[in-house]
Amino acid sequence: MRTKDHSRGHGGYGDAPEEPWSEIVPGLWMGGHEYIGADGMWTEAVVVDEFDAVYSLHNREGHGPADGVDHHVLEVPDDALTAEQIRAVEEFAAAAQRDFAARRLVLVRCRAGMNRSGLVVASVLIRSGFTPRDAIATIRRQRAARALNNEHFVAYLETGLDLAAQLTGLGAAE
């Protein structure tokens, strides 16, 4: 019996996404630049014109989107963030939320569509009235059970990005 190796090169994700992107709530999608294909192998996810706006927290040449699609890029690590990075994520999420509120089809993506994209999508949901707990649960239910497994990102969401940035900034001043 052949089993899928979902962890190869991706931090040990035991349930990597098996689709390029997932609709978290109507009009708001979360995805990555790669996913586990039907053959059990990592497959590239290339955006063409399926969305009105794409927010990328990881970017690769040749992965779209097509000309005419709004594309916003903010490179941040899938790790603890600095206060400056948290503030940048907060601004990025605010822009994504404005597009979502305007009923545009929005994709937020990172490498595998698990953590960085989850941080921004959860922030959009929170800005739209979800509690942090409900936002995280919705993402895990719709994208992958291990989505948002970065404990730092969960803490930022539970604390609130603004306060998390302030507290992180205090720690850097020591």
N, C-alpha and C. Protein backbone atom coordinates (compact mmCIF):
# COMPACT_ATOMS: atom_id res chain seq x y z
N MET A 1 0.84 -1.18 0.00
CA MET A 1 0.00 0.00 0.00
C MET A 1 0.88 1.24 0.00
N ARG A 2 0.64 2.17 -0.93
CA ARG A 2 1.42 3.40 -1.03
C ARG A 2 0.74 4.50 -0.21
N THR A 3 1.51 5.16 0.63
CA THR A 3 0.95 6.25 1.41
C THR A 3 1.57 7.55 0.95
N LYS A 4 0.87 8.62 1.14
CA LYS A 4 1.34 9.93 0.75
C LYS A 4 2.30 10.48 1.80
N ASP A 5 3.40 11.05 1.35
CA ASP A 5 4.33 11.72 2.25
C ASP A 5 4.02 13.22 2.19
N HIS A 6 3.18 13.65 3.10
CA HIS A 6 2.74 15.03 3.11
C HIS A 6 3.72 15.97 3.78
N SER A 7 4.81 15.48 4.31
CA SER A 7 5.69 16.34 5.10
C SER A 7 6.97 16.72 4.39
N ARG A 8 7.25 16.14 3.26
CA ARG A 8 8.52 16.35 2.58
C ARG A 8 8.79 17.83 2.32
N GLY A 9 9.78 18.37 3.04
CA GLY A 9 10.21 19.73 2.80
C GLY A 9 9.27 20.81 3.28
N HIS A 10 8.31 20.50 4.10
CA HIS A 10 7.36 21.51 4.53
C HIS A 10 7.13 21.48 6.04
N GLY A 11 8.17 21.36 6.79
CA GLY A 11 8.05 21.49 8.23
C GLY A 11 7.23 20.42 8.89
N GLY A 12 7.07 19.26 8.27
CA GLY A 12 6.37 18.16 8.90
C GLY A 12 4.87 18.29 8.94
N TYR A 13 4.26 19.04 8.03
CA TYR A 13 2.82 19.11 8.01
C TYR A 13 2.26 17.72 7.78
N GLY A 14 1.46 17.23 8.68
CA GLY A 14 0.90 15.90 8.55
C GLY A 14 -0.32 15.86 7.67
N ASP A 15 -0.92 17.00 7.41
CA ASP A 15 -2.11 17.02 6.57
C ASP A 15 -2.05 18.23 5.65
N ALA A 16 -1.02 18.26 4.82
CA ALA A 16 -0.86 19.37 3.88
C ALA A 16 -2.09 19.46 2.99
N PRO A 17 -2.43 20.66 2.56
CA PRO A 17 -3.61 20.84 1.70
C PRO A 17 -3.51 20.02 0.41
N GLU A 18 -4.66 19.49 0.01
CA GLU A 18 -4.73 18.69 -1.20
C GLU A 18 -5.44 19.42 -2.32
N GLU A 19 -5.50 20.73 -2.22
CA GLU A 19 -6.04 21.58 -3.26
C GLU A 19 -5.25 22.88 -3.24
N PRO A 20 -5.15 23.57 -4.36
CA PRO A 20 -4.31 24.77 -4.41
C PRO A 20 -4.80 25.88 -3.50
N TRP A 21 -6.10 26.00 -3.37
CA TRP A 21 -6.68 27.01 -2.49
C TRP A 21 -8.04 26.54 -2.01
N SER A 22 -8.44 27.06 -0.86
CA SER A 22 -9.70 26.65 -0.22
C SER A 22 -10.52 27.90 0.09
N GLU A 23 -11.82 27.82 -0.15
CA GLU A 23 -12.69 28.93 0.19
C GLU A 23 -13.00 28.84 1.68
N ILE A 24 -12.55 29.85 2.43
CA ILE A 24 -12.72 29.86 3.89
C ILE A 24 -14.12 30.34 4.24
N VAL A 25 -14.52 31.43 3.67
CA VAL A 25 -15.91 31.92 3.70
C VAL A 25 -16.18 32.43 2.29
N PRO A 26 -17.42 32.58 1.89
CA PRO A 26 -17.69 33.01 0.52
C PRO A 26 -16.91 34.27 0.13
N GLY A 27 -16.10 34.13 -0.92
CA GLY A 27 -15.32 35.25 -1.44
C GLY A 27 -13.93 35.39 -0.89
N LEU A 28 -13.59 34.64 0.17
CA LEU A 28 -12.26 34.74 0.79
C LEU A 28 -11.60 33.36 0.75
N TRP A 29 -10.49 33.30 0.03
CA TRP A 29 -9.79 32.05 -0.22
C TRP A 29 -8.41 32.07 0.40
N MET A 30 -7.92 30.89 0.74
CA MET A 30 -6.60 30.73 1.34
C MET A 30 -5.88 29.64 0.57
N GLY A 31 -4.61 29.88 0.22
CA GLY A 31 -3.89 28.88 -0.54
C GLY A 31 -2.39 29.07 -0.48
N GLY A 32 -1.72 28.32 -1.34
CA GLY A 32 -0.28 28.36 -1.37
C GLY A 32 0.24 28.31 -2.79
N HIS A 33 1.54 28.24 -2.89
CA HIS A 33 2.20 28.11 -4.18
C HIS A 33 2.35 26.64 -4.56
N GLU A 34 2.04 25.74 -3.63
CA GLU A 34 2.08 24.31 -3.90
C GLU A 34 1.14 23.58 -2.95
N TYR A 35 0.75 22.39 -3.35
CA TYR A 35 -0.19 21.57 -2.59
C TYR A 35 0.07 20.11 -2.96
N ILE A 36 -0.55 19.21 -2.22
CA ILE A 36 -0.42 17.79 -2.52
C ILE A 36 -1.43 17.43 -3.61
N GLY A 37 -0.93 16.99 -4.76
CA GLY A 37 -1.79 16.62 -5.88
C GLY A 37 -2.41 15.25 -5.68
N ALA A 38 -3.28 14.86 -6.61
CA ALA A 38 -3.97 13.57 -6.55
C ALA A 38 -3.00 12.40 -6.53
N ASP A 39 -1.78 12.61 -7.08
CA ASP A 39 -0.79 11.54 -7.11
C ASP A 39 0.05 11.47 -5.83
N GLY A 40 -0.28 12.34 -4.86
CA GLY A 40 0.46 12.35 -3.60
C GLY A 40 1.74 13.14 -3.64
N MET A 41 2.02 13.81 -4.74
CA MET A 41 3.25 14.58 -4.89
C MET A 41 2.94 16.08 -4.79
N TRP A 42 3.96 16.84 -4.37
CA TRP A 42 3.80 18.29 -4.32
C TRP A 42 3.59 18.81 -5.73
N THR A 43 2.60 19.64 -5.91
CA THR A 43 2.19 20.18 -7.20
C THR A 43 2.17 21.69 -7.11
N GLU A 44 2.64 22.36 -8.15
CA GLU A 44 2.64 23.82 -8.16
C GLU A 44 1.22 24.36 -8.35
N ALA A 45 0.92 25.42 -7.64
CA ALA A 45 -0.37 26.10 -7.76
C ALA A 45 -0.11 27.44 -8.46
N VAL A 46 -0.65 27.60 -9.62
CA VAL A 46 -0.46 28.82 -10.39
C VAL A 46 -1.79 29.54 -10.53
N VAL A 47 -1.83 30.78 -10.07
CA VAL A 47 -3.03 31.60 -10.16
C VAL A 47 -3.03 32.28 -11.53
N VAL A 48 -4.17 32.27 -12.17
CA VAL A 48 -4.30 32.97 -13.45
C VAL A 48 -5.20 34.18 -13.19
N ASP A 49 -6.51 34.02 -13.41
CA ASP A 49 -7.44 35.13 -13.22
C ASP A 49 -8.68 34.71 -12.46
N GLU A 50 -8.52 33.71 -11.58
CA GLU A 50 -9.65 33.20 -10.80
C GLU A 50 -10.11 34.18 -9.73
N PHE A 51 -9.25 35.13 -9.37
CA PHE A 51 -9.51 36.04 -8.26
C PHE A 51 -9.38 37.48 -8.73
N ASP A 52 -10.02 38.39 -7.99
CA ASP A 52 -9.89 39.81 -8.29
C ASP A 52 -8.64 40.40 -7.66
N ALA A 53 -8.25 39.86 -6.51
CA ALA A 53 -7.08 40.35 -5.79
C ALA A 53 -6.36 39.17 -5.14
N VAL A 54 -5.03 39.16 -5.25
CA VAL A 54 -4.20 38.12 -4.67
C VAL A 54 -3.22 38.78 -3.71
N TYR A 55 -3.18 38.27 -2.50
CA TYR A 55 -2.26 38.75 -1.46
C TYR A 55 -1.27 37.64 -1.18
N SER A 56 -0.01 37.85 -1.53
CA SER A 56 1.02 36.82 -1.41
C SER A 56 1.99 37.15 -0.29
N LEU A 57 2.17 36.20 0.63
CA LEU A 57 3.14 36.34 1.71
C LEU A 57 4.41 35.55 1.40
N HIS A 58 4.44 34.98 0.25
CA HIS A 58 5.58 34.27 -0.33
C HIS A 58 5.34 34.42 -1.82
N ASN A 59 6.37 34.66 -2.58
CA ASN A 59 6.15 34.92 -4.00
C ASN A 59 7.18 34.18 -4.83
N ARG A 60 6.71 33.58 -5.90
CA ARG A 60 7.59 32.88 -6.83
C ARG A 60 7.28 33.32 -8.25
N GLU A 61 8.32 33.52 -9.00
CA GLU A 61 8.19 33.84 -10.42
C GLU A 61 7.39 32.74 -11.11
N GLY A 62 6.49 33.13 -11.99
CA GLY A 62 5.74 32.17 -12.78
C GLY A 62 4.52 31.58 -12.10
N HIS A 63 4.17 32.07 -10.91
CA HIS A 63 3.02 31.54 -10.19
C HIS A 63 1.83 32.51 -10.21
N GLY A 64 1.89 33.48 -11.10
CA GLY A 64 0.79 34.42 -11.28
C GLY A 64 0.69 35.44 -10.17
N PRO A 65 -0.37 36.17 -10.22
CA PRO A 65 -1.53 36.07 -11.10
C PRO A 65 -1.29 36.75 -12.46
N ALA A 66 -2.30 36.64 -13.32
CA ALA A 66 -2.25 37.23 -14.65
C ALA A 66 -2.29 38.75 -14.56
N ASP A 67 -1.85 39.38 -15.64
CA ASP A 67 -1.98 40.83 -15.73
C ASP A 67 -3.44 41.21 -15.56
N GLY A 68 -3.68 42.31 -14.88
CA GLY A 68 -5.04 42.78 -14.65
C GLY A 68 -5.60 42.36 -13.31
N VAL A 69 -4.96 41.40 -12.65
CA VAL A 69 -5.38 40.98 -11.32
C VAL A 69 -4.53 41.75 -10.31
N ASP A 70 -5.17 42.39 -9.35
CA ASP A 70 -4.41 43.10 -8.32
C ASP A 70 -3.56 42.11 -7.55
N HIS A 71 -2.26 42.40 -7.45
CA HIS A 71 -1.36 41.49 -6.74
C HIS A 71 -0.56 42.30 -5.73
N HIS A 72 -0.66 41.89 -4.48
CA HIS A 72 0.03 42.55 -3.37
C HIS A 72 0.98 41.52 -2.76
N VAL A 73 2.21 41.94 -2.46
CA VAL A 73 3.21 41.02 -1.94
C VAL A 73 3.79 41.58 -0.65
N LEU A 74 3.87 40.73 0.37
CA LEU A 74 4.54 41.05 1.62
C LEU A 74 5.28 39.79 2.05
N GLU A 75 6.58 39.80 1.94
CA GLU A 75 7.39 38.64 2.33
C GLU A 75 7.65 38.70 3.83
N VAL A 76 7.18 37.70 4.55
CA VAL A 76 7.47 37.56 5.98
C VAL A 76 7.79 36.09 6.24
N PRO A 77 8.58 35.81 7.28
CA PRO A 77 8.92 34.42 7.58
C PRO A 77 7.77 33.69 8.28
N ASP A 78 7.80 32.39 8.18
CA ASP A 78 6.85 31.53 8.94
C ASP A 78 7.54 31.23 10.27
N ASP A 79 7.64 32.25 11.10
CA ASP A 79 8.39 32.20 12.35
C ASP A 79 7.93 33.36 13.22
N ALA A 80 8.54 33.53 14.36
CA ALA A 80 8.24 34.70 15.19
C ALA A 80 8.54 35.95 14.36
N LEU A 81 7.69 36.95 14.48
CA LEU A 81 7.84 38.18 13.71
C LEU A 81 8.31 39.32 14.59
N THR A 82 8.98 40.27 13.98
CA THR A 82 9.36 41.49 14.70
C THR A 82 8.12 42.38 14.80
N ALA A 83 8.20 43.40 15.64
CA ALA A 83 7.09 44.35 15.77
C ALA A 83 6.79 44.99 14.42
N GLU A 84 7.83 45.33 13.68
CA GLU A 84 7.65 45.95 12.36
C GLU A 84 6.93 44.99 11.40
N GLN A 85 7.30 43.73 11.43
CA GLN A 85 6.66 42.74 10.56
C GLN A 85 5.19 42.53 10.95
N ILE A 86 4.90 42.52 12.25
CA ILE A 86 3.51 42.37 12.69
C ILE A 86 2.68 43.55 12.21
N ARG A 87 3.22 44.75 12.32
CA ARG A 87 2.50 45.94 11.84
C ARG A 87 2.27 45.87 10.33
N ALA A 88 3.26 45.38 9.60
CA ALA A 88 3.11 45.23 8.14
C ALA A 88 2.03 44.21 7.82
N VAL A 89 1.98 43.11 8.57
CA VAL A 89 0.93 42.11 8.37
C VAL A 89 -0.43 42.73 8.67
N GLU A 90 -0.51 43.54 9.71
CA GLU A 90 -1.77 44.19 10.07
C GLU A 90 -2.26 45.09 8.93
N GLU A 91 -1.37 45.85 8.33
CA GLU A 91 -1.73 46.72 7.20
C GLU A 91 -2.13 45.89 5.98
N PHE A 92 -1.41 44.81 5.75
CA PHE A 92 -1.69 43.90 4.64
C PHE A 92 -3.08 43.29 4.81
N ALA A 93 -3.38 42.85 6.03
CA ALA A 93 -4.70 42.26 6.32
C ALA A 93 -5.80 43.31 6.18
N ALA A 94 -5.53 44.53 6.56
CA ALA A 94 -6.53 45.60 6.41
C ALA A 94 -6.86 45.83 4.94
N ALA A 95 -5.84 45.80 4.09
CA ALA A 95 -6.07 45.96 2.65
C ALA A 95 -6.88 44.79 2.10
N ALA A 96 -6.54 43.57 2.52
CA ALA A 96 -7.28 42.39 2.07
C ALA A 96 -8.73 42.46 2.56
N GLN A 97 -8.94 42.93 3.76
CA GLN A 97 -10.29 43.04 4.31
C GLN A 97 -11.10 44.06 3.53
N ARG A 98 -10.48 45.16 3.10
CA ARG A 98 -11.21 46.16 2.30
C ARG A 98 -11.67 45.53 0.97
N ASP A 99 -10.79 44.76 0.33
CA ASP A 99 -11.18 44.10 -0.91
C ASP A 99 -12.29 43.08 -0.66
N PHE A 100 -12.17 42.32 0.41
CA PHE A 100 -13.18 41.33 0.77
C PHE A 100 -14.52 42.02 1.05
N ALA A 101 -14.50 43.11 1.81
CA ALA A 101 -15.73 43.84 2.15
C ALA A 101 -16.37 44.43 0.90
N ALA A 102 -15.56 44.73 -0.11
CA ALA A 102 -16.07 45.27 -1.38
C ALA A 102 -16.60 44.15 -2.28
N ARG A 103 -16.65 42.93 -1.75
CA ARG A 103 -17.17 41.75 -2.45
C ARG A 103 -16.31 41.33 -3.65
N ARG A 104 -15.02 41.61 -3.54
CA ARG A 104 -14.08 41.12 -4.55
C ARG A 104 -13.67 39.71 -4.15
N LEU A 105 -13.34 38.86 -5.09
CA LEU A 105 -12.82 37.53 -4.79
C LEU A 105 -11.36 37.68 -4.40
N VAL A 106 -11.03 37.29 -3.18
CA VAL A 106 -9.71 37.51 -2.61
C VAL A 106 -9.04 36.18 -2.29
N LEU A 107 -7.80 36.03 -2.76
CA LEU A 107 -6.96 34.89 -2.39
C LEU A 107 -5.79 35.41 -1.57
N VAL A 108 -5.57 34.79 -0.42
CA VAL A 108 -4.38 35.06 0.39
C VAL A 108 -3.57 33.78 0.35
N ARG A 109 -2.30 33.90 -0.05
CA ARG A 109 -1.48 32.69 -0.21
C ARG A 109 -0.08 32.89 0.37
N CYS A 110 0.52 31.74 0.70
CA CYS A 110 1.92 31.71 1.12
C CYS A 110 2.55 30.51 0.42
N ARG A 111 3.43 29.81 1.06
CA ARG A 111 4.10 28.68 0.39
C ARG A 111 3.17 27.47 0.23
N ALA A 112 2.71 26.93 1.35
CA ALA A 112 1.81 25.77 1.31
C ALA A 112 0.38 26.14 1.71
N GLY A 113 0.16 27.40 2.05
CA GLY A 113 -1.19 27.81 2.44
C GLY A 113 -1.59 27.31 3.80
N MET A 114 -0.69 27.42 4.76
CA MET A 114 -0.96 26.91 6.11
C MET A 114 -0.85 27.98 7.20
N ASN A 115 0.24 28.72 7.23
CA ASN A 115 0.48 29.61 8.37
C ASN A 115 0.41 31.10 8.03
N ARG A 116 1.30 31.58 7.19
CA ARG A 116 1.31 33.01 6.89
C ARG A 116 -0.01 33.45 6.27
N SER A 117 -0.50 32.68 5.32
CA SER A 117 -1.80 33.01 4.73
C SER A 117 -2.90 32.91 5.79
N GLY A 118 -2.78 31.94 6.69
CA GLY A 118 -3.75 31.80 7.76
C GLY A 118 -3.76 32.99 8.70
N LEU A 119 -2.60 33.54 8.97
CA LEU A 119 -2.52 34.72 9.83
C LEU A 119 -3.30 35.88 9.22
N VAL A 120 -3.12 36.09 7.93
CA VAL A 120 -3.82 37.20 7.26
C VAL A 120 -5.31 36.90 7.11
N VAL A 121 -5.66 35.68 6.69
CA VAL A 121 -7.08 35.34 6.53
C VAL A 121 -7.80 35.44 7.88
N ALA A 122 -7.19 34.94 8.94
CA ALA A 122 -7.81 35.05 10.27
C ALA A 122 -7.99 36.52 10.65
N SER A 123 -7.01 37.34 10.32
CA SER A 123 -7.13 38.78 10.62
C SER A 123 -8.28 39.40 9.85
N VAL A 124 -8.46 38.99 8.59
CA VAL A 124 -9.59 39.49 7.81
C VAL A 124 -10.90 39.05 8.46
N LEU A 125 -10.98 37.80 8.87
CA LEU A 125 -12.19 37.30 9.52
C LEU A 125 -12.47 38.05 10.83
N ILE A 126 -11.44 38.29 11.62
CA ILE A 126 -11.61 39.01 12.88
C ILE A 126 -12.11 40.43 12.61
N ARG A 127 -11.53 41.07 11.60
CA ARG A 127 -11.98 42.41 11.22
C ARG A 127 -13.43 42.39 10.72
N SER A 128 -13.88 41.22 10.30
CA SER A 128 -15.25 41.07 9.78
C SER A 128 -16.23 40.59 10.85
N GLY A 129 -15.77 40.48 12.11
CA GLY A 129 -16.67 40.16 13.21
C GLY A 129 -16.47 38.80 13.87
N PHE A 130 -15.57 37.98 13.36
CA PHE A 130 -15.29 36.69 14.00
C PHE A 130 -14.48 36.90 15.27
N THR A 131 -14.62 36.01 16.24
CA THR A 131 -13.69 35.99 17.37
C THR A 131 -12.41 35.33 16.87
N PRO A 132 -11.28 35.57 17.52
CA PRO A 132 -10.05 34.87 17.11
C PRO A 132 -10.24 33.35 17.10
N ARG A 133 -10.86 32.81 18.12
CA ARG A 133 -11.06 31.36 18.21
C ARG A 133 -11.90 30.85 17.03
N ASP A 134 -12.98 31.56 16.70
CA ASP A 134 -13.83 31.14 15.58
C ASP A 134 -13.12 31.28 14.24
N ALA A 135 -12.31 32.33 14.09
CA ALA A 135 -11.56 32.52 12.85
C ALA A 135 -10.58 31.37 12.64
N ILE A 136 -9.85 31.02 13.68
CA ILE A 136 -8.87 29.92 13.60
C ILE A 136 -9.58 28.60 13.31
N ALA A 137 -10.68 28.34 14.01
CA ALA A 137 -11.43 27.09 13.81
C ALA A 137 -11.99 27.00 12.38
N THR A 138 -12.47 28.10 11.86
CA THR A 138 -13.01 28.11 10.50
C THR A 138 -11.92 27.79 9.49
N ILE A 139 -10.75 28.38 9.66
CA ILE A 139 -9.62 28.12 8.76
C ILE A 139 -9.22 26.65 8.83
N ARG A 140 -9.12 26.12 10.02
CA ARG A 140 -8.73 24.71 10.17
C ARG A 140 -9.77 23.76 9.58
N ARG A 141 -11.01 24.12 9.69
CA ARG A 141 -12.08 23.29 9.14
C ARG A 141 -12.09 23.36 7.61
N GLN A 142 -11.86 24.53 7.06
CA GLN A 142 -11.98 24.72 5.62
C GLN A 142 -10.69 24.43 4.84
N ARG A 143 -9.52 24.65 5.45
CA ARG A 143 -8.26 24.49 4.73
C ARG A 143 -7.54 23.20 5.11
N ALA A 144 -7.20 23.06 6.38
CA ALA A 144 -6.49 21.86 6.86
C ALA A 144 -6.49 21.90 8.38
N ALA A 145 -6.63 20.74 8.99
CA ALA A 145 -6.70 20.68 10.45
C ALA A 145 -5.46 21.27 11.12
N ARG A 146 -4.32 21.19 10.46
CA ARG A 146 -3.08 21.73 11.05
C ARG A 146 -2.74 23.12 10.55
N ALA A 147 -3.66 23.77 9.86
CA ALA A 147 -3.42 25.16 9.45
C ALA A 147 -3.24 26.00 10.71
N LEU A 148 -2.46 27.04 10.59
CA LEU A 148 -2.13 27.91 11.72
C LEU A 148 -1.51 27.12 12.86
N ASN A 149 -0.56 26.26 12.53
CA ASN A 149 0.14 25.52 13.58
C ASN A 149 1.32 26.30 14.13
N ASN A 150 1.59 27.48 13.60
CA ASN A 150 2.63 28.37 14.13
C ASN A 150 2.08 29.01 15.40
N GLU A 151 2.60 28.60 16.54
CA GLU A 151 2.09 29.08 17.84
C GLU A 151 2.23 30.59 18.00
N HIS A 152 3.26 31.18 17.40
CA HIS A 152 3.42 32.64 17.47
C HIS A 152 2.23 33.32 16.79
N PHE A 153 1.85 32.81 15.62
CA PHE A 153 0.76 33.43 14.87
C PHE A 153 -0.56 33.32 15.62
N VAL A 154 -0.80 32.18 16.23
CA VAL A 154 -2.02 32.00 17.03
C VAL A 154 -2.02 33.00 18.19
N ALA A 155 -0.89 33.15 18.84
CA ALA A 155 -0.78 34.11 19.96
C ALA A 155 -1.03 35.54 19.48
N TYR A 156 -0.48 35.90 18.31
CA TYR A 156 -0.72 37.24 17.77
C TYR A 156 -2.21 37.47 17.54
N LEU A 157 -2.87 36.46 17.00
CA LEU A 157 -4.31 36.59 16.72
C LEU A 157 -5.11 36.70 18.00
N GLU A 158 -4.77 35.87 18.99
CA GLU A 158 -5.50 35.90 20.26
C GLU A 158 -5.27 37.19 21.02
N THR A 159 -4.08 37.76 20.89
CA THR A 159 -3.74 39.01 21.56
C THR A 159 -4.26 40.21 20.80
N GLY A 160 -4.33 40.09 19.50
CA GLY A 160 -4.64 41.22 18.61
C GLY A 160 -3.33 41.69 18.01
N LEU A 161 -3.31 41.91 16.71
CA LEU A 161 -2.05 42.26 16.04
C LEU A 161 -1.44 43.56 16.57
N ASP A 162 -2.28 44.56 16.83
CA ASP A 162 -1.75 45.83 17.31
C ASP A 162 -1.05 45.66 18.65
N LEU A 163 -1.72 45.00 19.60
CA LEU A 163 -1.11 44.78 20.92
C LEU A 163 0.09 43.85 20.81
N ALA A 164 0.01 42.83 19.97
CA ALA A 164 1.15 41.92 19.78
C ALA A 164 2.37 42.67 19.28
N ALA A 165 2.17 43.61 18.36
CA ALA A 165 3.28 44.42 17.85
C ALA A 165 3.87 45.28 18.97
N GLN A 166 3.00 45.87 19.77
CA GLN A 166 3.48 46.70 20.89
C GLN A 166 4.29 45.87 21.88
N LEU A 167 3.77 44.72 22.24
CA LEU A 167 4.45 43.86 23.21
C LEU A 167 5.77 43.32 22.64
N THR A 168 5.76 42.96 21.37
CA THR A 168 6.99 42.48 20.73
C THR A 168 8.01 43.60 20.69
N GLY A 169 7.54 44.82 20.40
CA GLY A 169 8.44 45.99 20.38
C GLY A 169 9.06 46.25 21.73
N LEU A 170 8.31 46.03 22.81
CA LEU A 170 8.87 46.21 24.15
C LEU A 170 9.97 45.20 24.41
N GLY A 171 9.73 43.98 23.99
CA GLY A 171 10.74 42.93 24.19
C GLY A 171 12.02 43.21 23.44
N ALA A 172 11.92 43.89 22.28
CA ALA A 172 13.10 44.20 21.47
C ALA A 172 13.91 45.33 22.08
N ALA A 173 13.25 46.13 22.93
CA ALA A 173 13.93 47.29 23.52
C ALA A 173 14.86 46.90 24.66
N GLU A 174 14.73 45.68 25.15
CA GLU A 174 15.55 45.27 26.29
C GLU A 174 17.00 45.09 25.91
